[in-house]
C-alpha atoms as a PDB file:
ATOM      1  CA  MET A   1      23.930 -10.824  21.154  1.00  0.00           C
ATOM      2  CA  ALA A   2      21.467  -8.486  19.145  1.00  0.00           C
ATOM      3  CA  LYS A   3      20.417  -9.548  15.741  1.00  0.00           C
ATOM      4  CA  LEU A   4      20.683  -6.534  12.949  1.00  0.00           C
ATOM      5  CA  VAL A   5      17.792  -6.763  10.700  1.00  0.00           C
ATOM      6  CA  PHE A   6      16.990  -5.112   7.666  1.00  0.00           C
ATOM      7  CA  ALA A   7      12.623  -4.629   7.119  1.00  0.00           C
ATOM      8  CA  LEU A   8      11.091  -2.820   4.420  1.00  0.00           C
ATOM      9  CA  ASN A   9       7.659  -2.335   2.660  1.00  0.00           C
ATOM     10  CA  GLN A  10       8.721  -2.811  -1.354  1.00  0.00           C
ATOM     11  CA  SER A  11       6.832  -3.064  -4.902  1.00  0.00           C
ATOM     12  CA  LEU A  12       6.432  -5.990  -6.947  1.00  0.00           C
ATOM     13  CA  ASP A  13       9.384  -4.266  -8.867  1.00  0.00           C
ATOM     14  CA  GLY A  14      11.332  -3.774  -6.618  1.00  0.00           C
ATOM     15  CA  TYR A  15      10.937   0.238  -4.822  1.00  0.00           C
ATOM     16  CA  VAL A  16      10.571   1.403  -1.905  1.00  0.00           C
ATOM     17  CA  ASP A  17       8.199   4.392  -2.284  1.00  0.00           C
ATOM     18  CA  HIS A  18       6.138   4.221   1.435  1.00  0.00           C
ATOM     19  CA  THR A  19       3.392   7.520  -0.816  1.00  0.00           C
ATOM     20  CA  GLU A  20       2.423   4.277  -2.675  1.00  0.00           C
ATOM     21  CA  PHE A  21       1.390   2.166  -0.767  1.00  0.00           C
ATOM     22  CA  SER A  22      -0.285   0.583   2.443  1.00  0.00           C
ATOM     23  CA  PRO A  23      -0.844  -1.761   5.019  1.00  0.00           C
ATOM     24  CA  ASP A  24      -4.401  -2.877   5.644  1.00  0.00           C
ATOM     25  CA  PRO A  25      -5.240  -3.492   8.915  1.00  0.00           C
ATOM     26  CA  VAL A  26      -4.064  -7.245   9.299  1.00  0.00           C
ATOM     27  CA  LEU A  27      -0.353  -6.197   8.142  1.00  0.00           C
ATOM     28  CA  PHE A  28      -0.816  -2.847  10.299  1.00  0.00           C
ATOM     29  CA  ARG A  29      -1.525  -5.183  13.451  1.00  0.00           C
ATOM     30  CA  HIS A  30       1.319  -7.447  12.473  1.00  0.00           C
ATOM     31  CA  PHE A  31       4.127  -3.913  12.213  1.00  0.00           C
ATOM     32  CA  ILE A  32       2.364  -3.202  15.642  1.00  0.00           C
ATOM     33  CA  ASP A  33       3.336  -6.403  17.401  1.00  0.00           C
ATOM     34  CA  ASP A  34       6.893  -6.412  15.405  1.00  0.00           C
ATOM     35  CA  VAL A  35       8.242  -2.828  16.953  1.00  0.00           C
ATOM     36  CA  ARG A  36       6.894  -4.221  20.345  1.00  0.00           C
ATOM     37  CA  GLY A  37       9.192  -6.580  20.074  1.00  0.00           C
ATOM     38  CA  LEU A  38      12.167  -4.972  19.661  1.00  0.00           C
ATOM     39  CA  ALA A  39      14.774  -4.390  21.011  1.00  0.00           C
ATOM     40  CA  GLY A  40      15.124  -1.018  18.694  1.00  0.00           C
ATOM     41  CA  SER A  41      15.481   1.329  15.260  1.00  0.00           C
ATOM     42  CA  LEU A  42      18.945   1.932  13.551  1.00  0.00           C
ATOM     43  CA  TYR A  43      17.207   4.381  11.302  1.00  0.00           C
ATOM     44  CA  GLY A  44      18.916   6.780   8.158  1.00  0.00           C
ATOM     45  CA  ARG A  45      18.493  10.384   8.160  1.00  0.00           C
ATOM     46  CA  ARG A  46      15.228  10.179   5.408  1.00  0.00           C
ATOM     47  CA  MET A  47      13.324   7.491   7.145  1.00  0.00           C
ATOM     48  CA  TYR A  48      14.133   9.110  10.582  1.00  0.00           C
ATOM     49  CA  GLU A  49      12.304  11.854   9.261  1.00  0.00           C
ATOM     50  CA  VAL A  50       9.497   9.839   7.964  1.00  0.00           C
ATOM     51  CA  MET A  51       8.611   7.889  11.166  1.00  0.00           C
ATOM     52  CA  ARG A  52       8.918  11.685  13.007  1.00  0.00           C
ATOM     53  CA  TYR A  53       5.246  11.450  12.279  1.00  0.00           C
ATOM     54  CA  TRP A  54       4.435   9.122  15.259  1.00  0.00           C
ATOM     55  CA  ASP A  55       6.139  11.375  17.546  1.00  0.00           C
ATOM     56  CA  GLU A  56       2.764  13.253  18.161  1.00  0.00           C
ATOM     57  CA  ASP A  57      -0.789  12.576  19.136  1.00  0.00           C
ATOM     58  CA  ARG A  58      -2.889  13.505  16.239  1.00  0.00           C
ATOM     59  CA  SER A  59      -6.622  13.862  16.583  1.00  0.00           C
ATOM     60  CA  GLU A  60      -7.623  11.359  13.428  1.00  0.00           C
ATOM     61  CA  TRP A  61      -6.217   8.443  14.387  1.00  0.00           C
ATOM     62  CA  ASP A  62      -7.849   5.678  14.931  1.00  0.00           C
ATOM     63  CA  GLU A  63      -6.661   2.824  18.351  1.00  0.00           C
ATOM     64  CA  ALA A  64      -4.607   0.720  15.635  1.00  0.00           C
ATOM     65  CA  LYS A  65      -2.774   4.106  14.724  1.00  0.00           C
ATOM     66  CA  ARG A  66      -2.387   4.928  18.914  1.00  0.00           C
ATOM     67  CA  ASP A  67      -1.154   1.796  19.586  1.00  0.00           C
ATOM     68  CA  TYR A  68       2.086   1.679  17.342  1.00  0.00           C
ATOM     69  CA  ALA A  69       2.763   5.442  17.901  1.00  0.00           C
ATOM     70  CA  ALA A  70       2.526   4.148  21.442  1.00  0.00           C
ATOM     71  CA  ALA A  71       5.219   1.258  20.427  1.00  0.00           C
ATOM     72  CA  TRP A  72       7.393   3.110  18.175  1.00  0.00           C
ATOM     73  CA  ARG A  73       7.748   5.821  21.306  1.00  0.00           C
ATOM     74  CA  ARG A  74       8.921   3.150  23.472  1.00  0.00           C
ATOM     75  CA  GLN A  75      10.907   1.490  22.131  1.00  0.00           C
ATOM     76  CA  PRO A  76      15.182   2.905  21.837  1.00  0.00           C
ATOM     77  CA  LYS A  77      15.913   4.226  18.488  1.00  0.00           C
ATOM     78  CA  TRP A  78      19.920   5.291  16.830  1.00  0.00           C
ATOM     79  CA  VAL A  79      20.262   8.032  13.738  1.00  0.00           C
ATOM     80  CA  VAL A  80      22.390   7.842  11.467  1.00  0.00           C
ATOM     81  CA  SER A  81      22.978  11.001  10.165  1.00  0.00           C
ATOM     82  CA  ARG A  82      25.835  13.484   9.512  1.00  0.00           C
ATOM     83  CA  SER A  83      23.781  16.436   8.501  1.00  0.00           C
ATOM     84  CA  LEU A  84      20.766  16.260  11.988  1.00  0.00           C
ATOM     85  CA  GLN A  85      22.107  18.055  14.821  1.00  0.00           C
ATOM     86  CA  SER A  86      19.570  16.664  17.297  1.00  0.00           C
ATOM     87  CA  VAL A  87      17.221  13.498  16.860  1.00  0.00           C
ATOM     88  CA  GLY A  88      13.545  13.457  19.195  1.00  0.00           C
ATOM     89  CA  PRO A  89      12.609  11.166  22.452  1.00  0.00           C
ATOM     90  CA  ASN A  90      14.433   7.879  23.027  1.00  0.00           C
ATOM     91  CA  ALA A  91      16.963   8.853  19.913  1.00  0.00           C
ATOM     92  CA  THR A  92      20.682   8.595  19.991  1.00  0.00           C
ATOM     93  CA  LEU A  93      22.301  10.578  16.918  1.00  0.00           C
ATOM     94  CA  VAL A  94      25.423   8.157  15.747  1.00  0.00           C
ATOM     95  CA  VAL A  95      27.430  10.654  14.038  1.00  0.00           C
ATOM     96  CA  ASP A  96      31.041   9.340  13.452  1.00  0.00           C
ATOM     97  CA  ASP A  97      32.428   5.479  13.657  1.00  0.00           C
ATOM     98  CA  VAL A  98      28.835   3.591  12.771  1.00  0.00           C
ATOM     99  CA  GLU A  99      31.117   0.861  12.801  1.00  0.00           C
ATOM    100  CA  THR A 100      31.760   0.619  15.737  1.00  0.00           C
ATOM    101  CA  THR A 101      28.464   1.765  17.274  1.00  0.00           C
ATOM    102  CA  ILE A 102      26.549  -1.222  15.493  1.00  0.00           C
ATOM    103  CA  ARG A 103      29.211  -3.556  16.322  1.00  0.00           C
ATOM    104  CA  GLY A 104      28.511  -2.280  19.886  1.00  0.00           C
ATOM    105  CA  LEU A 105      25.056  -1.980  20.395  1.00  0.00           C
ATOM    106  CA  LYS A 106      24.855  -5.587  18.524  1.00  0.00           C
ATOM    107  CA  ALA A 107      26.831  -7.131  21.483  1.00  0.00           C
ATOM    108  CA  ARG A 108      25.157  -5.239  24.472  1.00  0.00           C
ATOM    109  CA  LEU A 109      21.229  -6.161  24.035  1.00  0.00           C
ATOM    110  CA  ASP A 110      19.317  -8.959  23.188  1.00  0.00           C
ATOM    111  CA  GLY A 111      16.697  -9.283  20.124  1.00  0.00           C
ATOM    112  CA  ASP A 112      16.200  -7.600  16.923  1.00  0.00           C
ATOM    113  CA  ILE A 113      17.576  -4.379  16.383  1.00  0.00           C
ATOM    114  CA  GLU A 114      15.448  -3.262  12.598  1.00  0.00           C
ATOM    115  CA  VAL A 115      17.568  -1.046  10.499  1.00  0.00           C
ATOM    116  CA  SER A 116      15.540   0.406   8.195  1.00  0.00           C
ATOM    117  CA  GLY A 117      16.319   3.067   4.655  1.00  0.00           C
ATOM    118  CA  PRO A 118      17.840   1.148   1.897  1.00  0.00           C
ATOM    119  CA  GLU A 119      20.540   3.260   2.061  1.00  0.00           C
ATOM    120  CA  LEU A 120      21.725   2.536   5.605  1.00  0.00           C
ATOM    121  CA  ALA A 121      20.731  -0.813   4.745  1.00  0.00           C
ATOM    122  CA  ARG A 122      23.201  -0.460   2.251  1.00  0.00           C
ATOM    123  CA  SER A 123      26.232   0.347   3.754  1.00  0.00           C
ATOM    124  CA  LEU A 124      25.807  -1.966   7.318  1.00  0.00           C
ATOM    125  CA  THR A 125      25.705  -4.523   4.424  1.00  0.00           C
ATOM    126  CA  ASP A 126      28.519  -4.169   3.021  1.00  0.00           C
ATOM    127  CA  LEU A 127      29.991  -3.775   6.975  1.00  0.00           C
ATOM    128  CA  GLY A 128      28.984  -7.507   7.074  1.00  0.00           C
ATOM    129  CA  LEU A 129      26.259  -6.491   9.867  1.00  0.00           C
ATOM    130  CA  VAL A 130      23.064  -7.113   8.734  1.00  0.00           C
ATOM    131  CA  ASP A 131      22.164 -10.872   9.603  1.00  0.00           C
ATOM    132  CA  GLU A 132      18.962 -10.832   8.162  1.00  0.00           C
ATOM    133  CA  TYR A 133      15.942  -9.106   5.618  1.00  0.00           C
ATOM    134  CA  ARG A 134      12.966  -9.258   5.882  1.00  0.00           C
ATOM    135  CA  LEU A 135      10.980  -8.090   2.737  1.00  0.00           C
ATOM    136  CA  TYR A 136       7.682  -7.206   2.691  1.00  0.00           C
ATOM    137  CA  LEU A 137       6.649  -7.460  -0.884  1.00  0.00           C
ATOM    138  CA  HIS A 138       4.078  -5.536  -2.132  1.00  0.00           C
ATOM    139  CA  PRO A 139       1.504  -6.020  -5.334  1.00  0.00           C
ATOM    140  CA  VAL A 140       2.255  -2.778  -6.911  1.00  0.00           C
ATOM    141  CA  VAL A 141       4.812  -1.856 -10.321  1.00  0.00           C
ATOM    142  CA  LEU A 142       5.925   1.351  -9.438  1.00  0.00           C
ATOM    143  CA  GLY A 143       8.418   1.238 -12.504  1.00  0.00           C
ATOM    144  CA  ARG A 144       9.862   3.999 -10.924  1.00  0.00           C
ATOM    145  CA  GLY A 145      11.667   5.199  -7.412  1.00  0.00           C
ATOM    146  CA  LYS A 146      14.172   3.943  -5.292  1.00  0.00           C
ATOM    147  CA  PRO A 147      15.568   0.524  -4.876  1.00  0.00           C
ATOM    148  CA  LEU A 148      15.154  -1.868  -2.477  1.00  0.00           C
ATOM    149  CA  PHE A 149      18.503  -3.179  -3.669  1.00  0.00           C
ATOM    150  CA  ALA A 150      20.907  -0.378  -6.324  1.00  0.00           C
ATOM    151  CA  GLY A 151      23.974  -2.415  -6.865  1.00  0.00           C
ATOM    152  CA  PRO A 152      25.500  -5.938  -6.618  1.00  0.00           C
ATOM    153  CA  ARG A 153      24.706  -7.794  -2.806  1.00  0.00           C
ATOM    154  CA  PRO A 154      26.326 -10.254  -1.157  1.00  0.00           C
ATOM    155  CA  PRO A 155      24.421 -14.129  -1.899  1.00  0.00           C
ATOM    156  CA  LEU A 156      21.631 -14.262   0.325  1.00  0.00           C
ATOM    157  CA  ARG A 157      19.632 -17.301   1.633  1.00  0.00           C
ATOM    158  CA  LEU A 158      15.849 -17.622   1.671  1.00  0.00           C
ATOM    159  CA  VAL A 159      14.813 -18.586   5.267  1.00  0.00           C
ATOM    160  CA  ALA A 160      10.591 -18.151   5.135  1.00  0.00           C
ATOM    161  CA  SER A 161       7.950 -16.710   3.309  1.00  0.00           C
ATOM    162  CA  ASP A 162       5.091 -16.034   5.208  1.00  0.00           C
ATOM    163  CA  ARG A 163       1.959 -13.821   3.919  1.00  0.00           C
ATOM    164  CA  ILE A 164       0.494 -10.853   5.809  1.00  0.00           C
ATOM    165  CA  GLY A 165      -3.055  -9.673   5.481  1.00  0.00           C
ATOM    166  CA  ALA A 166      -4.619 -10.284   2.217  1.00  0.00           C
ATOM    167  CA  ASP A 167      -1.998  -9.380  -0.282  1.00  0.00           C
ATOM    168  CA  VAL A 168       1.590  -8.720   1.462  1.00  0.00           C
ATOM    169  CA  ILE A 169       3.911 -11.507   1.494  1.00  0.00           C
ATOM    170  CA  ARG A 170       7.312 -11.564   3.377  1.00  0.00           C
ATOM    171  CA  LEU A 171      10.482 -13.443   2.311  1.00  0.00           C
ATOM    172  CA  THR A 172      12.937 -13.193   5.069  1.00  0.00           C
ATOM    173  CA  TYR A 173      16.358 -13.886   3.673  1.00  0.00           C
ATOM    174  CA  VAL A 174      19.731 -14.222   5.506  1.00  0.00           C
ATOM    175  CA  PRO A 175      23.877 -13.956   4.566  1.00  0.00           C
ATOM    176  CA  ALA A 176      24.211 -17.246   2.340  1.00  0.00           C
END
């Protein structure tokens, strides 16, 4: 049975904005290895549109970016959206009955399915489907933006903390 893992970068004050901070080389290598080991990824529309960047090679990429793109392209992806009409390679559009679809993926697959996007994660948390939260805290205070958690969440229990790269702490929680 697969485990649904919500993993996302956030500022120290709890905001999500991929344009405000980026991974150092050690953290980026961690993300490459992470993506290689996933059973798949589950995206909301906005996050999927951001990640489509990796669909096409770019001449300015270094080896690490080419490695990440190759790993991202190989993995299966599911995109939850009512507004998209289609999705890219190796991706499946999920329009209706999200709960049944995700429960089916968890029952059918082995390993981790990573959830990206705070709004999708909130919906899946409300349905009791998220098994683990991996929060990558960056030493940045934004003071604005989209909060990682908006509104009350169920109690969580810290199960691990790791320093990755020079400045990022990964906190791993499970529902209490």
